C-alpha cells in the first residue's frame, strides 16, 4: 500500500500529461494507414481517420475534430470543423498547419455534439507554454 501512495505522490511532480498517438493494432498489417487512435491527457481514447495534410477531403467533414499532426507524431494544432464546414476558414487553417510543419490531418468523427467536440479538443490540444 505504501508503494502505491508513493507512486501517486511522485505523479504530482511529473510533467503534465500530453496527448499521444497509439496506432491501432487491428490496422497494423495494412499497407496504407487509414485509422489511428490518440490518448488524450485524461486517458480517453479517440479514434481518427488519417489524411495527408494537403488532402482537401479531410476538410469536408462537418461536426468533426481536426488534428494537425507533425512528422514527429505530435499534435501541433486542433480545431472543430463546425456544423457547416466553412470552406474558406478551413482552407486558411490547412495552409497555416502546412506552413507549421504538419504532415497529416487526423479527423475524429465520433464526438456526438458540440460539447463532446469541445471536450475532445481540450483533451487533445497541445498545451501552451506559459
Protein backbone atom coordinates (compact mmCIF):
# COMPACT_ATOMS: atom_id res chain seq x y z
CA UNK A 1 0.00 0.00 0.00
CA UNK A 2 2.84 2.39 0.80
CA UNK A 3 4.29 1.83 -2.68
CA UNK A 4 1.00 2.81 -4.26
CA UNK A 5 0.87 6.00 -2.22
CA UNK A 6 4.46 6.81 -3.16
CA UNK A 7 3.76 6.34 -6.88
CA UNK A 8 0.72 8.60 -6.63
CA UNK A 9 2.74 11.34 -4.92
CA UNK A 10 5.54 11.02 -7.48
CA UNK A 11 3.00 11.57 -10.25
CA UNK A 12 2.20 15.00 -8.80
CA UNK A 13 5.71 16.18 -9.68
CA UNK A 14 5.92 14.65 -13.15
CA UNK A 15 5.47 16.62 -16.35
CA UNK A 16 1.82 17.26 -17.19
CA UNK A 17 0.44 14.53 -19.42
CA UNK A 18 0.29 15.16 -23.15
CA UNK A 19 -1.86 13.61 -25.83
CA UNK A 20 -0.07 10.75 -27.56
CA UNK A 21 -0.75 8.63 -30.60
CA UNK A 22 -1.43 4.95 -30.09
CA UNK A 23 -1.66 3.38 -33.57
CA UNK A 24 -4.37 0.76 -33.81
CA UNK A 25 -3.09 -2.81 -33.73
CA UNK A 26 -6.04 -4.00 -35.81
CA UNK A 27 -4.81 -1.95 -38.79
CA UNK A 28 -1.06 -2.53 -38.32
CA UNK A 29 -0.86 -5.06 -41.17
CA UNK A 30 -2.45 -2.74 -43.74
CA UNK A 31 -0.05 -1.14 -46.21
CA UNK A 32 -1.89 2.19 -46.02
CA UNK A 33 -2.60 3.68 -42.61
CA UNK A 34 -6.20 4.93 -42.67
CA UNK A 35 -7.01 4.98 -38.97
CA UNK A 36 -5.19 5.76 -35.76
CA UNK A 37 -6.03 6.45 -32.15
CA UNK A 38 -4.95 9.18 -29.76
CA UNK A 39 -4.91 9.01 -25.98
CA UNK A 40 -5.84 12.39 -24.51
CA UNK A 41 -4.36 13.87 -21.36
CA UNK A 42 -7.37 12.49 -19.49
CA UNK A 43 -6.59 8.95 -20.66
CA UNK A 44 -9.58 8.88 -23.00
CA UNK A 45 -9.09 7.25 -26.42
CA UNK A 46 -10.04 9.00 -29.68
CA UNK A 47 -10.15 7.07 -32.97
CA UNK A 48 -9.40 9.16 -36.06
CA UNK A 49 -9.17 8.82 -39.83
CA UNK A 50 -5.79 9.77 -41.31
CA UNK A 51 -5.37 12.16 -44.26
CA UNK A 52 -2.34 13.86 -45.79
CA UNK A 53 -2.07 17.50 -44.71
CA UNK A 54 -2.85 18.71 -48.23
CA UNK A 55 -5.84 16.37 -48.75
CA UNK A 56 -8.94 18.55 -49.07
CA UNK A 57 -11.19 15.58 -48.22
CA UNK A 58 -10.12 15.99 -44.58
CA UNK A 59 -11.89 19.36 -44.57
CA UNK A 60 -15.17 18.02 -45.95
CA UNK A 61 -16.47 16.62 -42.67
CA UNK A 62 -18.87 18.62 -40.53
CA UNK A 63 -19.00 18.39 -36.76
CA UNK A 64 -15.56 16.78 -36.58
CA UNK A 65 -12.41 17.31 -34.53
CA UNK A 66 -9.45 18.05 -36.83
CA UNK A 67 -5.92 17.38 -35.57
CA UNK A 68 -2.82 18.67 -37.37
CA UNK A 69 -0.03 16.14 -36.79
CA UNK A 70 3.72 16.71 -37.20
CA UNK A 71 6.17 14.17 -38.66
CA UNK A 72 7.28 13.56 -35.02
CA UNK A 73 3.71 12.32 -34.28
CA UNK A 74 2.71 15.32 -32.16
CA UNK A 75 -0.50 17.33 -32.41
CA UNK A 76 0.55 20.84 -33.37
CA UNK A 77 -2.95 22.31 -33.82
CA UNK A 78 -6.55 21.25 -33.42
CA UNK A 79 -9.95 22.65 -34.28
CA UNK A 80 -13.63 21.85 -34.62
CA UNK A 81 -14.67 21.74 -38.29
CA UNK A 82 -18.00 23.28 -37.33
CA UNK A 83 -21.52 22.34 -38.34
CA UNK A 84 -21.22 23.84 -41.81
CA UNK A 85 -17.58 23.17 -42.69
CA UNK A 86 -16.84 26.79 -43.62
CA UNK A 87 -14.55 26.21 -46.57
CA UNK A 88 -12.60 29.49 -46.52
CA UNK A 89 -11.74 29.24 -42.82
CA UNK A 90 -10.78 25.58 -43.10
CA UNK A 91 -8.62 26.28 -46.18
CA UNK A 92 -6.77 29.03 -44.27
CA UNK A 93 -6.26 26.60 -41.36
CA UNK A 94 -4.96 23.93 -43.74
CA UNK A 95 -2.41 26.36 -45.24
CA UNK A 96 -1.34 27.50 -41.76
CA UNK A 97 -0.77 23.98 -40.44
CA UNK A 98 1.17 23.02 -43.57
CA UNK A 99 3.40 26.08 -43.03
CA UNK A 100 3.81 25.00 -39.37
CA UNK A 101 5.08 21.59 -40.48
CA UNK A 102 2.02 19.33 -40.27
CA UNK A 103 2.23 16.22 -42.43
CA UNK A 104 -1.22 14.79 -41.66
CA UNK A 105 -4.71 15.75 -40.58
CA UNK A 106 -6.43 13.27 -38.28
CA UNK A 107 -10.23 13.51 -38.26
CA UNK A 108 -12.16 12.36 -35.19
CA UNK A 109 -15.84 11.91 -36.11
CA UNK A 110 -17.23 10.18 -33.02
CA UNK A 111 -17.89 13.23 -30.85
CA UNK A 112 -21.68 13.42 -30.97
CA UNK A 113 -22.31 17.08 -30.18
CA UNK A 114 -20.61 20.43 -29.72
CA UNK A 115 -19.92 19.81 -26.04
CA UNK A 116 -18.23 16.47 -26.81
CA UNK A 117 -16.10 18.08 -29.53
CA UNK A 118 -15.01 20.88 -27.18
CA UNK A 119 -14.10 18.32 -24.51
CA UNK A 120 -12.07 16.32 -27.07
CA UNK A 121 -10.28 19.48 -28.23
CA UNK A 122 -9.36 20.43 -24.67
CA UNK A 123 -8.11 16.89 -24.01
CA UNK A 124 -6.03 16.65 -27.21
CA UNK A 125 -4.81 20.18 -27.96
CA UNK A 126 -1.19 20.95 -27.24
CA UNK A 127 -0.79 22.91 -24.03
CA UNK A 128 0.52 26.42 -24.39
CA UNK A 129 3.81 27.14 -22.62
CA UNK A 130 3.43 29.83 -20.00
